[in-house]
Amino acid sequence: MRVFSKSKELYKSAEKIVPGGVHTNFKYMYPHPLYFSKAKGSRIWDVDGNEYIDCVVNFGPCILGHAHPKVVEAVKTQIESGLTVGLETELNIKVSKKLVDMVPSAEAVRFSNTGTEAVMHCIHIARGHTGRNKIIKIEGCYDGWYDDVLVSYHPPPKLTGPETSPDPIPDSGGIVAKDTLVVPFNNSEVMEKVIKQNREEVAAIIMEPVMLNIGCALPKDGYLKAIREITEDNDVLLIFDEVRTGFRIAPGGAQQYYGITPDLTVFAKAIANGFPLSAVVGRKDIIKVTDPIEGRVLYAGTYNASQIAVAAADATLEQLKDGTVQEYLNRSTLDLIKRFDETVKSKRISARIQGIGGNFQAYFADSEITNYRSTYRLDVSMYAKFQKAMFDQNIYFWPNHLFCHGISASHNKTDMEEIASAMSTAISKCVD
């Protein structure tokens, strides 16, 4: 029987000086967070010595697996060079070129540190380029903790207003977002209506091409194409938030997979296999507003292009550029979905897995989840039973029914078989 006594002790110690015992609220777990001691490949170990197959993968970044040898080697080499931050290097140019070669929308590149920072920069660029201030975002999407986008992430259903005209709801105290409009995912008609009503004021729409902040909601056929046409027809910039989808679905992200090229894109997480690096890429004529001589938008950050993170990205992107990793992640996800479907059909319960590119979530519902409002009908108590049963079988699953789980390139056939088998057992426990 597993014990968590050391994690409990650490929590009691940490909460005296760290609110909740965690350094981001998303890491908190009731009744206390777990604390970890090491990770390797597809496995993680907590401080009590419990071993898990990791399906949280650092909340998304760990695309190659923990402590990937090529990434570790690149980081060690960079540390020995003595170069950290504050200086431009040939390595920065090398990795920027890799992004231009891989990503359809990337004519120009600017590095930053986190996904939120990249989003902030991207919105500044969009406003500077267009001379307009309003932003449209997708209801249910998390585009970072920046004021303009920390709106209607997972708002209470009773506050959201009609689906044809959602009310923007701040997700935190201290948020000021007077220029943010909200629309549902997979609804191009509402998008077109809102854009046309605010055409003279809207700078850009920011959206995940696959909605991974409610688990995994895929775009309907023709939806992304319609959004691209609407934005072009109304002279509004299209920003893809590929912080989660980037490099997992295809080497060039979801935009390559679906054949839709946005004006600007933000990447983070998988770009450096867990090291803190993000990037804004896109049309050169747009990003040129950040030019230090001729531009009118400041692009700043002492730790932008931190050399240890850029070295990690160099090694990571080298592994990702030929598509082999993405092919494996897509195939493994489809296999997992098939196994899960067979199990729930045999048990005659309403459940499904939705996923792509190593991203997936188990939903307890009788039909497809297509946007945030469709999650209202989920059986949350059934998911809680399922998650606990997975966790009890040493599969690290997160206790949130809207969480996007994942696998890495290090999750081998044995790991995938263990995950699928654990799911079958967990489903059985849900119906007992």
Protein backbone atom coordinates (compact mmCIF):
# COMPACT_ATOMS: atom_id res chain seq x y z
CA MET A 1 0.00 0.00 0.00
CA ARG A 2 1.35 3.41 -0.98
CA VAL A 3 2.09 6.03 1.63
CA PHE A 4 2.46 9.79 1.21
CA SER A 5 3.77 10.71 4.64
CA LYS A 6 6.80 12.64 3.41
CA SER A 7 4.73 14.67 0.92
CA LYS A 8 2.33 15.47 3.75
CA GLU A 9 5.20 16.62 5.98
CA LEU A 10 6.65 18.77 3.19
CA TYR A 11 3.27 20.34 2.59
CA LYS A 12 2.92 21.30 6.25
CA SER A 13 6.35 22.89 6.09
CA ALA A 14 5.82 24.59 2.74
CA GLU A 15 2.41 26.12 3.46
CA LYS A 16 3.95 28.20 6.26
CA ILE A 17 5.81 30.26 3.68
CA VAL A 18 4.24 29.28 0.31
CA PRO A 19 0.46 29.73 -0.06
CA GLY A 20 -1.01 26.30 -0.72
CA GLY A 21 2.47 24.80 -0.72
CA VAL A 22 2.79 25.34 -4.49
CA HIS A 23 4.29 27.98 -6.75
CA THR A 24 1.43 27.93 -9.24
CA ASN A 25 -2.15 27.32 -8.16
CA PHE A 26 -2.60 24.75 -10.91
CA LYS A 27 -0.24 22.36 -9.07
CA TYR A 28 -2.38 22.18 -5.97
CA MET A 29 -3.99 18.81 -5.24
CA TYR A 30 -6.43 18.08 -2.42
CA PRO A 31 -5.80 17.28 0.43
CA HIS A 32 -2.20 18.20 -0.27
CA PRO A 33 0.09 18.36 -3.30
CA LEU A 34 2.60 15.62 -4.00
CA TYR A 35 6.29 16.45 -4.01
CA PHE A 36 8.61 14.67 -6.41
CA SER A 37 12.24 13.63 -6.29
CA LYS A 38 13.17 12.47 -9.81
CA ALA A 39 11.93 11.74 -13.33
CA LYS A 40 13.24 9.66 -16.21
CA GLY A 41 11.65 8.91 -19.56
CA SER A 42 7.96 8.18 -18.99
CA ARG A 43 8.32 7.70 -15.22
CA ILE A 44 8.25 9.96 -12.17
CA TRP A 45 8.94 9.24 -8.49
CA ASP A 46 7.54 11.13 -5.53
CA VAL A 47 9.47 11.81 -2.33
CA ASP A 48 7.89 8.76 -0.69
CA GLY A 49 9.35 6.52 -3.39
CA ASN A 50 6.11 5.88 -5.27
CA GLU A 51 6.66 5.34 -9.00
CA TYR A 52 4.17 6.44 -11.67
CA ILE A 53 3.72 6.35 -15.40
CA ASP A 54 3.43 10.06 -16.05
CA CYS A 55 0.33 11.21 -17.97
CA VAL A 56 0.63 14.82 -16.83
CA VAL A 57 4.00 15.32 -18.58
CA ASN A 58 4.87 18.58 -16.82
CA PHE A 59 1.44 20.00 -17.75
CA GLY A 60 2.32 19.59 -21.42
CA PRO A 61 5.98 20.44 -22.14
CA CYS A 62 7.59 17.02 -21.85
CA ILE A 63 7.22 15.86 -25.45
CA LEU A 64 10.38 13.72 -25.61
CA GLY A 65 10.20 12.40 -22.06
CA HIS A 66 11.96 13.38 -18.87
CA ALA A 67 15.74 13.80 -18.96
CA HIS A 68 16.01 13.01 -22.66
CA PRO A 69 19.74 12.29 -23.23
CA LYS A 70 20.14 14.60 -26.24
CA VAL A 71 18.54 17.50 -24.37
CA VAL A 72 20.55 16.84 -21.22
CA GLU A 73 23.77 16.73 -23.25
CA ALA A 74 22.96 20.03 -25.00
CA VAL A 75 22.17 21.74 -21.70
CA LYS A 76 25.37 20.51 -20.05
CA THR A 77 27.43 21.74 -22.99
CA GLN A 78 25.78 25.14 -22.86
CA ILE A 79 26.31 25.50 -19.11
CA GLU A 80 30.01 24.84 -19.62
CA SER A 81 30.19 27.69 -22.16
CA GLY A 82 29.34 30.17 -19.42
CA LEU A 83 26.77 31.97 -21.59
CA THR A 84 23.40 32.36 -19.90
CA VAL A 85 21.49 35.61 -20.66
CA GLY A 86 22.07 39.16 -21.82
CA LEU A 87 24.12 38.36 -24.92
CA GLU A 88 23.08 37.41 -28.44
CA THR A 89 24.63 34.27 -29.89
CA GLU A 90 24.85 32.19 -33.05
CA LEU A 91 22.75 29.57 -31.26
CA ASN A 92 19.80 31.99 -31.17
CA ILE A 93 19.99 32.38 -34.93
CA LYS A 94 20.29 28.63 -35.46
CA VAL A 95 17.17 27.82 -33.45
CA SER A 96 15.22 30.71 -35.01
CA LYS A 97 16.00 29.27 -38.44
CA LYS A 98 14.75 25.87 -37.32
CA LEU A 99 11.42 27.42 -36.38
CA VAL A 100 11.18 29.22 -39.72
CA ASP A 101 11.89 25.95 -41.53
CA MET A 102 9.34 23.97 -39.49
CA VAL A 103 6.40 26.31 -38.93
CA PRO A 104 4.24 27.51 -41.87
CA SER A 105 3.47 30.93 -40.31
CA ALA A 106 7.04 31.66 -39.21
CA GLU A 107 8.68 34.34 -41.33
CA ALA A 108 10.08 36.09 -38.26
CA VAL A 109 10.86 34.88 -34.72
CA ARG A 110 11.09 36.46 -31.28
CA PHE A 111 11.91 34.44 -28.15
CA SER A 112 10.49 34.89 -24.66
CA ASN A 113 10.26 32.67 -21.59
CA THR A 114 6.72 31.50 -20.89
CA GLY A 115 3.53 30.99 -22.83
CA THR A 116 1.92 33.91 -21.06
CA GLU A 117 4.80 36.22 -21.96
CA ALA A 118 4.55 35.18 -25.61
CA VAL A 119 0.81 35.91 -25.57
CA MET A 120 1.41 39.32 -24.00
CA HIS A 121 3.98 40.18 -26.65
CA CYS A 122 1.73 38.87 -29.41
CA ILE A 123 -1.20 41.03 -28.34
CA HIS A 124 1.05 44.09 -28.08
CA ILE A 125 2.27 43.37 -31.61
CA ALA A 126 -1.27 42.92 -32.93
CA ARG A 127 -2.38 46.21 -31.38
CA GLY A 128 0.72 48.03 -32.55
CA HIS A 129 0.29 46.77 -36.09
CA THR A 130 -3.44 47.44 -36.42
CA GLY A 131 -3.88 50.49 -34.21
CA ARG A 132 -6.86 48.78 -32.56
CA ASN A 133 -7.27 47.55 -29.00
CA LYS A 134 -9.97 44.90 -28.69
CA ILE A 135 -9.13 41.21 -28.55
CA ILE A 136 -11.43 38.24 -29.17
CA LYS A 137 -10.70 35.02 -27.30
CA ILE A 138 -12.36 31.61 -27.05
CA GLU A 139 -14.60 30.78 -24.11
CA GLY A 140 -13.03 28.00 -22.04
CA CYS A 141 -9.48 28.55 -23.31
CA TYR A 142 -6.56 29.37 -21.04
CA ASP A 143 -4.19 31.66 -22.93
CA GLY A 144 -2.18 32.60 -19.85
CA TRP A 145 -2.54 34.73 -16.73
CA TYR A 146 -2.30 38.09 -18.56
CA ASP A 147 -5.23 40.48 -17.92
CA ASP A 148 -6.56 40.56 -21.49
CA VAL A 149 -6.84 36.77 -21.75
CA LEU A 150 -7.55 35.56 -18.19
CA VAL A 151 -11.19 35.93 -19.02
CA SER A 152 -13.88 33.21 -19.30
CA TYR A 153 -11.37 30.39 -18.84
CA HIS A 154 -13.76 28.15 -16.89
CA PRO A 155 -16.50 30.58 -15.82
CA PRO A 156 -19.50 29.45 -13.74
CA PRO A 157 -22.28 28.41 -16.17
CA LYS A 158 -24.80 30.73 -14.54
CA LEU A 159 -22.64 33.76 -15.41
CA THR A 160 -21.72 33.03 -19.00
CA GLY A 161 -24.76 34.54 -20.74
CA PRO A 162 -26.16 33.29 -24.06
CA GLU A 163 -23.97 31.18 -26.36
CA THR A 164 -24.63 33.59 -29.21
CA SER A 165 -23.12 36.43 -27.17
CA PRO A 166 -21.10 35.14 -24.18
CA ASP A 167 -20.37 37.50 -21.31
CA PRO A 168 -16.64 38.00 -20.60
CA ILE A 169 -16.05 36.85 -17.01
CA PRO A 170 -12.70 37.65 -15.28
CA ASP A 171 -11.18 34.49 -13.82
CA SER A 172 -9.30 36.18 -11.00
CA GLY A 173 -9.33 39.15 -8.72
CA GLY A 174 -7.10 41.97 -9.93
CA ILE A 175 -7.98 41.40 -13.59
CA VAL A 176 -8.80 44.38 -15.81
CA ALA A 177 -9.96 43.27 -19.26
CA LYS A 178 -12.20 45.98 -20.68
CA ASP A 179 -11.13 45.25 -24.27
CA THR A 180 -11.76 41.49 -24.37
CA LEU A 181 -14.64 39.84 -26.22
CA VAL A 182 -15.53 36.16 -25.89
CA VAL A 183 -16.91 33.65 -28.40
CA PRO A 184 -17.52 29.88 -28.25
CA PHE A 185 -15.25 27.34 -29.98
CA ASN A 186 -16.50 25.57 -33.10
CA ASN A 187 -19.02 28.30 -33.91
CA SER A 188 -17.93 30.39 -36.88
CA GLU A 189 -21.33 32.11 -37.12
CA VAL A 190 -20.97 33.75 -33.71
CA MET A 191 -17.36 34.62 -34.49
CA GLU A 192 -18.38 36.37 -37.70
CA LYS A 193 -21.17 38.27 -35.95
CA VAL A 194 -18.92 39.52 -33.15
CA ILE A 195 -16.14 40.52 -35.53
CA LYS A 196 -18.48 42.44 -37.82
CA GLN A 197 -20.08 44.24 -34.85
CA ASN A 198 -16.65 45.35 -33.62
CA ARG A 199 -14.67 45.45 -36.86
CA GLU A 200 -13.24 48.93 -36.39
CA GLU A 201 -12.00 48.12 -32.88
CA VAL A 202 -10.75 44.50 -33.01
CA ALA A 203 -7.03 43.93 -33.45
CA ALA A 204 -6.98 40.14 -33.34
CA ILE A 205 -8.56 36.90 -32.32
CA ILE A 206 -6.45 34.53 -30.25
CA MET A 207 -7.42 30.86 -30.22
CA GLU A 208 -6.17 27.33 -29.75
CA PRO A 209 -6.66 25.47 -33.05
CA VAL A 210 -7.39 22.40 -30.92
CA MET A 211 -9.03 23.27 -27.63
CA LEU A 212 -6.83 21.58 -25.02
CA ASN A 213 -7.85 23.57 -21.98
CA ILE A 214 -11.12 21.72 -21.59
CA GLY A 215 -9.43 18.36 -22.14
CA CYS A 216 -9.37 17.91 -25.89
CA ALA A 217 -11.98 19.37 -28.24
CA LEU A 218 -11.12 19.02 -31.92
CA PRO A 219 -12.14 21.61 -34.51
CA LYS A 220 -15.13 20.62 -36.65
CA ASP A 221 -14.54 20.11 -40.36
CA GLY A 222 -14.22 23.48 -42.03
CA TYR A 223 -14.22 25.49 -38.78
CA LEU A 224 -10.61 26.71 -38.87
CA LYS A 225 -10.86 27.49 -42.58
CA ALA A 226 -13.99 29.55 -41.90
CA ILE A 227 -12.25 31.48 -39.12
CA ARG A 228 -9.29 32.19 -41.39
CA GLU A 229 -11.60 33.54 -44.11
CA ILE A 230 -13.62 35.66 -41.66
CA THR A 231 -10.50 37.28 -40.22
CA GLU A 232 -9.06 37.98 -43.65
CA ASP A 233 -12.35 39.43 -44.94
CA ASN A 234 -12.57 41.78 -41.95
CA ASP A 235 -8.89 42.74 -41.68
CA VAL A 236 -8.50 41.15 -38.24
CA LEU A 237 -5.32 39.29 -37.30
CA LEU A 238 -5.54 35.59 -36.49
CA ILE A 239 -3.32 34.42 -33.63
CA PHE A 240 -2.93 30.70 -32.98
CA ASP A 241 -2.10 29.80 -29.39
CA GLU A 242 -0.03 26.69 -30.06
CA VAL A 243 1.49 26.56 -26.61
CA ARG A 244 -0.09 23.12 -26.16
CA THR A 245 -0.53 21.91 -29.76
CA GLY A 246 2.86 23.11 -30.99
CA PHE A 247 5.12 20.34 -32.32
CA ARG A 248 2.88 17.54 -30.96
CA ILE A 249 0.44 17.09 -33.83
CA ALA A 250 2.92 17.81 -36.63
CA PRO A 251 6.43 19.32 -36.80
CA GLY A 252 4.85 22.67 -37.73
CA GLY A 253 2.05 22.39 -35.18
CA ALA A 254 -1.70 22.24 -35.67
CA GLN A 255 -1.44 24.86 -38.42
CA GLN A 256 0.56 22.43 -40.54
CA TYR A 257 -1.71 19.50 -39.67
CA TYR A 258 -4.91 21.36 -40.59
CA GLY A 259 -3.42 23.46 -43.40
CA ILE A 260 -4.45 26.82 -41.92
CA THR A 261 -1.80 29.54 -41.63
CA PRO A 262 -2.41 32.23 -38.99
CA ASP A 263 -0.83 35.68 -38.98
CA LEU A 264 0.92 35.15 -35.65
CA THR A 265 1.59 32.11 -33.47
CA VAL A 266 2.76 31.60 -29.91
CA PHE A 267 4.74 28.52 -28.92
CA ALA A 268 6.05 27.32 -25.56
CA LYS A 269 6.02 24.09 -23.50
CA ALA A 270 7.18 21.41 -25.96
CA ILE A 271 9.56 23.76 -27.77
CA ALA A 272 12.34 22.97 -25.26
CA ASN A 273 11.06 19.76 -23.62
CA GLY A 274 10.28 21.49 -20.34
CA PHE A 275 12.91 24.21 -20.18
CA PRO A 276 11.46 27.76 -19.93
CA LEU A 277 11.30 29.04 -23.48
CA SER A 278 8.54 30.47 -25.65
CA ALA A 279 8.37 32.17 -29.02
CA VAL A 280 6.27 34.54 -31.07
CA VAL A 281 6.46 33.75 -34.78
CA GLY A 282 4.56 35.05 -37.77
CA ARG A 283 4.44 37.42 -40.70
CA LYS A 284 7.56 39.51 -40.95
CA ASP A 285 5.67 42.69 -41.84
CA ILE A 286 3.66 42.37 -38.61
CA ILE A 287 6.46 41.43 -36.22
CA LYS A 288 8.56 44.24 -37.71
CA VAL A 289 6.68 46.65 -35.39
CA THR A 290 9.07 45.39 -32.68
CA ASP A 291 12.18 46.43 -34.65
CA PRO A 292 14.46 48.23 -32.15
CA ILE A 293 15.19 51.04 -34.65
CA GLU A 294 12.08 51.49 -36.76
CA GLY A 295 9.41 49.77 -34.65
CA ARG A 296 6.86 51.27 -32.26
CA VAL A 297 6.25 48.24 -30.01
CA LEU A 298 8.74 47.40 -27.27
CA TYR A 299 9.85 43.77 -27.15
CA ALA A 300 11.77 43.32 -23.92
CA GLY A 301 12.86 40.69 -21.39
CA THR A 302 16.27 40.11 -19.85
CA TYR A 303 15.78 36.35 -19.91
CA ASN A 304 14.48 36.18 -23.49
CA ALA A 305 16.54 33.53 -25.30
CA SER A 306 18.12 32.23 -22.10
CA GLN A 307 20.91 30.15 -23.56
CA ILE A 308 20.29 27.02 -21.52
CA ALA A 309 16.67 26.93 -22.68
CA VAL A 310 17.62 27.72 -26.29
CA ALA A 311 20.16 24.89 -26.22
CA ALA A 312 17.43 22.57 -24.97
CA ALA A 313 15.21 23.78 -27.81
CA ASP A 314 17.93 23.15 -30.37
CA ALA A 315 18.20 19.52 -29.27
CA THR A 316 14.43 19.11 -28.92
CA LEU A 317 13.53 20.54 -32.32
CA GLU A 318 16.19 18.37 -33.94
CA GLN A 319 14.28 15.33 -32.66
CA LEU A 320 10.93 16.75 -33.77
CA LYS A 321 11.60 18.12 -37.24
CA ASP A 322 11.21 14.92 -39.31
CA GLY A 323 7.75 14.02 -37.96
CA THR A 324 8.64 10.63 -36.50
CA VAL A 325 7.75 11.66 -32.95
CA GLN A 326 4.45 13.18 -34.03
CA GLU A 327 3.53 10.08 -36.03
CA TYR A 328 4.14 7.95 -32.94
CA LEU A 329 2.14 10.25 -30.66
CA ASN A 330 -0.80 10.39 -33.08
CA ARG A 331 -0.81 6.63 -33.60
CA SER A 332 -0.51 5.89 -29.89
CA THR A 333 -3.36 8.27 -29.10
CA LEU A 334 -5.63 6.60 -31.66
CA ASP A 335 -4.77 3.17 -30.24
CA LEU A 336 -5.61 4.35 -26.74
CA ILE A 337 -8.93 5.78 -27.92
CA LYS A 338 -9.79 2.49 -29.62
CA ARG A 339 -8.99 0.45 -26.50
CA PHE A 340 -11.02 2.79 -24.30
CA ASP A 341 -14.00 2.71 -26.66
CA GLU A 342 -13.99 -1.09 -26.66
CA THR A 343 -14.00 -1.14 -22.87
CA VAL A 344 -16.83 1.34 -22.35
CA LYS A 345 -18.96 -0.36 -25.00
CA SER A 346 -18.53 -3.69 -23.25
CA LYS A 347 -19.54 -2.06 -19.95
CA ARG A 348 -22.40 -0.13 -21.61
CA ILE A 349 -21.53 3.23 -20.09
CA SER A 350 -21.47 6.68 -21.69
CA ALA A 351 -17.81 7.64 -21.94
CA ARG A 352 -15.25 8.53 -24.56
CA ILE A 353 -11.66 9.63 -25.02
CA GLN A 354 -10.94 12.58 -27.27
CA GLY A 355 -7.37 13.21 -28.28
CA ILE A 356 -4.70 13.96 -30.85
CA GLY A 357 -0.91 14.17 -30.91
CA GLY A 358 -0.35 12.59 -27.51
CA ASN A 359 -2.97 14.86 -25.89
CA PHE A 360 -6.14 13.24 -24.58
CA GLN A 361 -8.87 13.30 -21.97
CA ALA A 362 -11.48 10.82 -20.80
CA TYR A 363 -14.99 12.26 -20.74
CA PHE A 364 -18.05 10.74 -19.15
CA ALA A 365 -20.72 11.98 -21.55
CA ASP A 366 -22.95 10.50 -24.23
CA SER A 367 -21.77 12.73 -27.10
CA GLU A 368 -18.74 14.62 -28.38
CA ILE A 369 -17.33 17.54 -26.40
CA THR A 370 -17.05 20.41 -28.88
CA ASN A 371 -16.68 23.53 -26.73
CA TYR A 372 -16.74 24.73 -23.15
CA ARG A 373 -20.53 24.74 -22.81
CA SER A 374 -20.74 21.13 -23.93
CA THR A 375 -18.72 20.20 -20.81
CA TYR A 376 -21.67 21.23 -18.61
CA ARG A 377 -23.21 17.81 -19.18
CA LEU A 378 -20.16 15.81 -18.07
CA ASP A 379 -20.53 13.38 -15.19
CA VAL A 380 -17.93 14.89 -12.88
CA SER A 381 -18.41 12.31 -10.10
CA MET A 382 -17.77 9.47 -12.55
CA TYR A 383 -14.55 11.10 -13.70
CA ALA A 384 -13.44 11.48 -10.06
CA LYS A 385 -13.88 7.73 -9.56
CA PHE A 386 -12.01 7.02 -12.78
CA GLN A 387 -9.12 9.33 -11.93
CA LYS A 388 -8.72 7.85 -8.46
CA ALA A 389 -8.72 4.33 -9.89
CA MET A 390 -6.02 5.33 -12.39
CA PHE A 391 -3.95 7.00 -9.69
CA ASP A 392 -4.31 3.95 -7.45
CA GLN A 393 -2.77 1.90 -10.26
CA ASN A 394 0.27 4.20 -10.39
CA ILE A 395 -0.83 6.09 -13.49
CA TYR A 396 -0.32 9.78 -12.74
CA PHE A 397 -3.70 11.26 -13.71
CA TRP A 398 -4.88 14.70 -12.65
CA PRO A 399 -8.03 15.21 -10.52
CA ASN A 400 -9.73 17.67 -12.87
CA HIS A 401 -12.35 16.56 -15.37
CA LEU A 402 -11.27 19.28 -17.84
CA PHE A 403 -7.56 18.49 -17.71
CA CYS A 404 -5.65 17.51 -20.86
CA HIS A 405 -3.52 14.44 -20.20
CA GLY A 406 -0.63 13.39 -22.38
CA ILE A 407 2.12 11.02 -23.31
CA SER A 408 5.65 11.58 -24.56
CA ALA A 409 7.89 9.92 -27.10
CA SER A 410 9.37 8.00 -24.15
CA HIS A 411 6.09 6.22 -23.42
CA ASN A 412 6.84 2.87 -25.00
CA LYS A 413 4.52 0.00 -25.92
CA THR A 414 4.73 -1.43 -22.42
CA ASP A 415 3.73 1.91 -20.91
CA MET A 416 0.82 2.27 -23.31
CA GLU A 417 -0.36 -1.25 -22.53
CA GLU A 418 -0.23 -0.48 -18.80
CA ILE A 419 -2.21 2.73 -19.32
CA ALA A 420 -4.86 0.96 -21.44
CA SER A 421 -5.11 -1.92 -18.97
CA ALA A 422 -5.43 0.50 -16.06
CA MET A 423 -8.22 2.32 -17.91
CA SER A 424 -10.11 -0.95 -18.34
CA THR A 425 -9.79 -1.68 -14.62
CA ALA A 426 -10.76 1.88 -13.71
CA ILE A 427 -13.89 1.71 -15.88
CA SER A 428 -14.90 -1.53 -14.19
CA LYS A 429 -14.53 0.12 -10.79
CA CYS A 430 -16.67 3.05 -11.95
CA VAL A 431 -19.61 0.76 -12.70
CA ASP A 432 -19.26 -1.54 -9.66
